[in-house]
Structures are given as structure tokens and as C-alpha cells.
Amino acid sequence: MIDVKTYLLSLPAKVKPEVIEGENTAFHFDIADAGTFTLRIVDGVMTAVEGLDGDAKCKVTTTAENFTKLLEGDLNPMMAMMTGKLKISNPGEMLKYAKMFGLM
């Protein structure tokens, strides 16, 4: 099983800088049983920290179990949203970055 905290905090090292060059956004992840996290991209530099830091363009709320199922491809993101297993405050913003986050 994927460790959600480790996964989210390691994302900045996995995303190629040229892919996020010129991008500016922030995401809050509220993952029950794993904690809260902020992913921020400023001028093409991504950082990840524990806690909800500042304002976010998108907030993702789910459980550690469901987040892991999403990452492993065992849970369809659209079905998860429709059944309430996944809440995304700004789906358009998430779609823009979901592939680089490994969620699609």
C-alpha cells in the first residue's frame, strides 16, 4: 500500500521542472488517516509541506484508503467524485495537474 504522506511530500522531486515552468497554483489535500498537505507551484518550482499553508486554488478531500486506490488505479476518479468518496473544490484546476501528480 502506498504511504500517502510520503507520496505527496515526494512529488516535488518527481515532477520535471520544465513541465511546470511558468505555472503558479496551490493545492490543499485533506486526507483522513494521513493528514493535511499543501502542494504549491510558484514560478515553476513545486514545494510540498504538511499542513494547510495559505490559500489554495483547489482542495482535495478523501480518505487515505481511497487516495491509495486512486493512485493504484483501483478507483475511478469520476466515480469517486460522484459517490462522495472524493471531493475536489475546483475540478478544472485538478484536471490540469492530475497527470503530473500521478492521479491519472
C-alpha atoms as a PDB file:
ATOM      1  CA  MET A   1       0.000   0.000   0.000  1.00  0.00           C
ATOM      2  CA  ILE A   2       1.241   3.462  -0.902  1.00  0.00           C
ATOM      3  CA  ASP A   3       2.046   5.766   2.021  1.00  0.00           C
ATOM      4  CA  VAL A   4       0.042   8.921   1.248  1.00  0.00           C
ATOM      5  CA  LYS A   5       2.240  11.270   3.282  1.00  0.00           C
ATOM      6  CA  THR A   6       5.435  10.018   1.646  1.00  0.00           C
ATOM      7  CA  TYR A   7       3.829  10.157  -1.789  1.00  0.00           C
ATOM      8  CA  LEU A   8       2.622  13.757  -1.512  1.00  0.00           C
ATOM      9  CA  LEU A   9       5.771  15.096   0.143  1.00  0.00           C
ATOM     10  CA  SER A  10       7.959  13.440  -2.528  1.00  0.00           C
ATOM     11  CA  LEU A  11       6.061  14.872  -5.510  1.00  0.00           C
ATOM     12  CA  PRO A  12       8.358  17.900  -5.997  1.00  0.00           C
ATOM     13  CA  ALA A  13      11.281  15.551  -6.703  1.00  0.00           C
ATOM     14  CA  LYS A  14       9.232  13.562  -9.233  1.00  0.00           C
ATOM     15  CA  VAL A  15       7.823  16.385 -11.349  1.00  0.00           C
ATOM     16  CA  LYS A  16      10.071  17.610 -14.147  1.00  0.00           C
ATOM     17  CA  PRO A  17      10.745  21.363 -13.780  1.00  0.00           C
ATOM     18  CA  GLU A  18      10.123  22.003 -17.494  1.00  0.00           C
ATOM     19  CA  VAL A  19       6.584  20.616 -17.135  1.00  0.00           C
ATOM     20  CA  ILE A  20       5.624  23.237 -14.526  1.00  0.00           C
ATOM     21  CA  GLU A  21       7.693  26.127 -15.875  1.00  0.00           C
ATOM     22  CA  GLY A  22       5.702  29.356 -15.574  1.00  0.00           C
ATOM     23  CA  GLU A  23       2.928  27.686 -13.572  1.00  0.00           C
ATOM     24  CA  ASN A  24       1.514  29.130 -10.348  1.00  0.00           C
ATOM     25  CA  THR A  25      -1.049  27.277  -8.244  1.00  0.00           C
ATOM     26  CA  ALA A  26      -1.656  25.685  -4.855  1.00  0.00           C
ATOM     27  CA  PHE A  27      -3.497  22.581  -3.717  1.00  0.00           C
ATOM     28  CA  HIS A  28      -4.678  21.555  -0.276  1.00  0.00           C
ATOM     29  CA  PHE A  29      -5.030  17.845   0.410  1.00  0.00           C
ATOM     30  CA  ASP A  30      -7.117  16.828   3.428  1.00  0.00           C
ATOM     31  CA  ILE A  31      -6.592  13.081   3.652  1.00  0.00           C
ATOM     32  CA  ALA A  32      -8.355  11.377   6.568  1.00  0.00           C
ATOM     33  CA  ASP A  33      -5.995   8.991   8.384  1.00  0.00           C
ATOM     34  CA  ALA A  34      -2.947  10.597   6.718  1.00  0.00           C
ATOM     35  CA  GLY A  35      -3.058  14.337   7.450  1.00  0.00           C
ATOM     36  CA  THR A  36      -3.228  17.638   5.605  1.00  0.00           C
ATOM     37  CA  PHE A  37      -0.763  18.791   2.965  1.00  0.00           C
ATOM     38  CA  THR A  38      -0.111  21.727   0.681  1.00  0.00           C
ATOM     39  CA  LEU A  39       1.393  21.424  -2.785  1.00  0.00           C
ATOM     40  CA  ARG A  40       2.423  24.772  -4.211  1.00  0.00           C
ATOM     41  CA  ILE A  41       3.868  25.688  -7.587  1.00  0.00           C
ATOM     42  CA  VAL A  42       5.369  29.174  -7.830  1.00  0.00           C
ATOM     43  CA  ASP A  43       7.192  30.246 -10.968  1.00  0.00           C
ATOM     44  CA  GLY A  44       7.706  26.601 -11.911  1.00  0.00           C
ATOM     45  CA  VAL A  45       9.060  25.452  -8.536  1.00  0.00           C
ATOM     46  CA  MET A  46       6.989  22.895  -6.627  1.00  0.00           C
ATOM     47  CA  THR A  47       7.054  22.542  -2.862  1.00  0.00           C
ATOM     48  CA  ALA A  48       5.150  20.189  -0.574  1.00  0.00           C
ATOM     49  CA  VAL A  49       4.584  20.709   3.138  1.00  0.00           C
ATOM     50  CA  GLU A  50       2.484  19.202   5.868  1.00  0.00           C
ATOM     51  CA  GLY A  51      -0.461  21.316   6.910  1.00  0.00           C
ATOM     52  CA  LEU A  52      -2.707  23.691   5.017  1.00  0.00           C
ATOM     53  CA  ASP A  53      -0.469  26.621   4.109  1.00  0.00           C
ATOM     54  CA  GLY A  54      -2.019  29.782   2.665  1.00  0.00           C
ATOM     55  CA  ASP A  55      -4.818  29.865   0.119  1.00  0.00           C
ATOM     56  CA  ALA A  56      -5.331  27.108  -2.417  1.00  0.00           C
ATOM     57  CA  LYS A  57      -6.937  27.121  -5.859  1.00  0.00           C
ATOM     58  CA  CYS A  58      -8.128  23.566  -5.234  1.00  0.00           C
ATOM     59  CA  LYS A  59      -8.860  21.440  -2.173  1.00  0.00           C
ATOM     60  CA  VAL A  60      -8.940  17.645  -2.338  1.00  0.00           C
ATOM     61  CA  THR A  61     -10.695  15.734   0.441  1.00  0.00           C
ATOM     62  CA  THR A  62     -10.765  11.947   0.760  1.00  0.00           C
ATOM     63  CA  THR A  63      -9.543   9.073   2.923  1.00  0.00           C
ATOM     64  CA  ALA A  64      -6.081   7.523   2.808  1.00  0.00           C
ATOM     65  CA  GLU A  65      -7.643   4.282   1.579  1.00  0.00           C
ATOM     66  CA  ASN A  66      -9.445   5.971  -1.320  1.00  0.00           C
ATOM     67  CA  PHE A  67      -6.437   8.129  -2.223  1.00  0.00           C
ATOM     68  CA  THR A  68      -4.294   4.998  -2.386  1.00  0.00           C
ATOM     69  CA  LYS A  69      -6.891   3.273  -4.575  1.00  0.00           C
ATOM     70  CA  LEU A  70      -6.832   6.305  -6.909  1.00  0.00           C
ATOM     71  CA  LEU A  71      -3.040   6.166  -7.172  1.00  0.00           C
ATOM     72  CA  GLU A  72      -3.054   2.417  -7.805  1.00  0.00           C
ATOM     73  CA  GLY A  73      -5.763   2.716 -10.471  1.00  0.00           C
ATOM     74  CA  ASP A  74      -8.294   0.735  -8.425  1.00  0.00           C
ATOM     75  CA  LEU A  75     -10.730   3.657  -8.081  1.00  0.00           C
ATOM     76  CA  ASN A  76     -12.019   5.749 -10.967  1.00  0.00           C
ATOM     77  CA  PRO A  77     -11.706   9.478 -10.069  1.00  0.00           C
ATOM     78  CA  MET A  78     -15.042  10.407 -11.678  1.00  0.00           C
ATOM     79  CA  MET A  79     -16.894   7.587  -9.917  1.00  0.00           C
ATOM     80  CA  ALA A  80     -15.203   8.531  -6.646  1.00  0.00           C
ATOM     81  CA  MET A  81     -16.450  12.114  -7.020  1.00  0.00           C
ATOM     82  CA  MET A  82     -19.978  11.020  -7.954  1.00  0.00           C
ATOM     83  CA  THR A  83     -20.194   8.657  -4.966  1.00  0.00           C
ATOM     84  CA  GLY A  84     -18.743  11.181  -2.499  1.00  0.00           C
ATOM     85  CA  LYS A  85     -15.524   9.238  -1.879  1.00  0.00           C
ATOM     86  CA  LEU A  86     -13.534  12.135  -3.339  1.00  0.00           C
ATOM     87  CA  LYS A  87     -14.294  15.843  -3.075  1.00  0.00           C
ATOM     88  CA  ILE A  88     -12.489  18.364  -5.267  1.00  0.00           C
ATOM     89  CA  SER A  89     -13.309  22.054  -4.823  1.00  0.00           C
ATOM     90  CA  ASN A  90     -12.068  23.050  -8.294  1.00  0.00           C
ATOM     91  CA  PRO A  91     -12.136  20.058 -10.668  1.00  0.00           C
ATOM     92  CA  GLY A  92     -10.832  22.125 -13.593  1.00  0.00           C
ATOM     93  CA  GLU A  93      -7.664  23.029 -11.699  1.00  0.00           C
ATOM     94  CA  MET A  94      -7.164  19.419 -10.615  1.00  0.00           C
ATOM     95  CA  LEU A  95      -7.583  18.129 -14.179  1.00  0.00           C
ATOM     96  CA  LYS A  96      -4.847  20.485 -15.312  1.00  0.00           C
ATOM     97  CA  TYR A  97      -2.344  18.913 -12.886  1.00  0.00           C
ATOM     98  CA  ALA A  98      -3.740  15.404 -12.191  1.00  0.00           C
ATOM     99  CA  LYS A  99      -1.488  13.648 -14.683  1.00  0.00           C
ATOM    100  CA  MET A 100       1.713  15.160 -13.287  1.00  0.00           C
ATOM    101  CA  PHE A 101       0.568  14.270  -9.758  1.00  0.00           C
ATOM    102  CA  GLY A 102       0.122  10.640 -10.861  1.00  0.00           C
ATOM    103  CA  LEU A 103      -3.643  10.704 -10.324  1.00  0.00           C
ATOM    104  CA  MET A 104      -4.474   9.807 -13.933  1.00  0.00           C
END
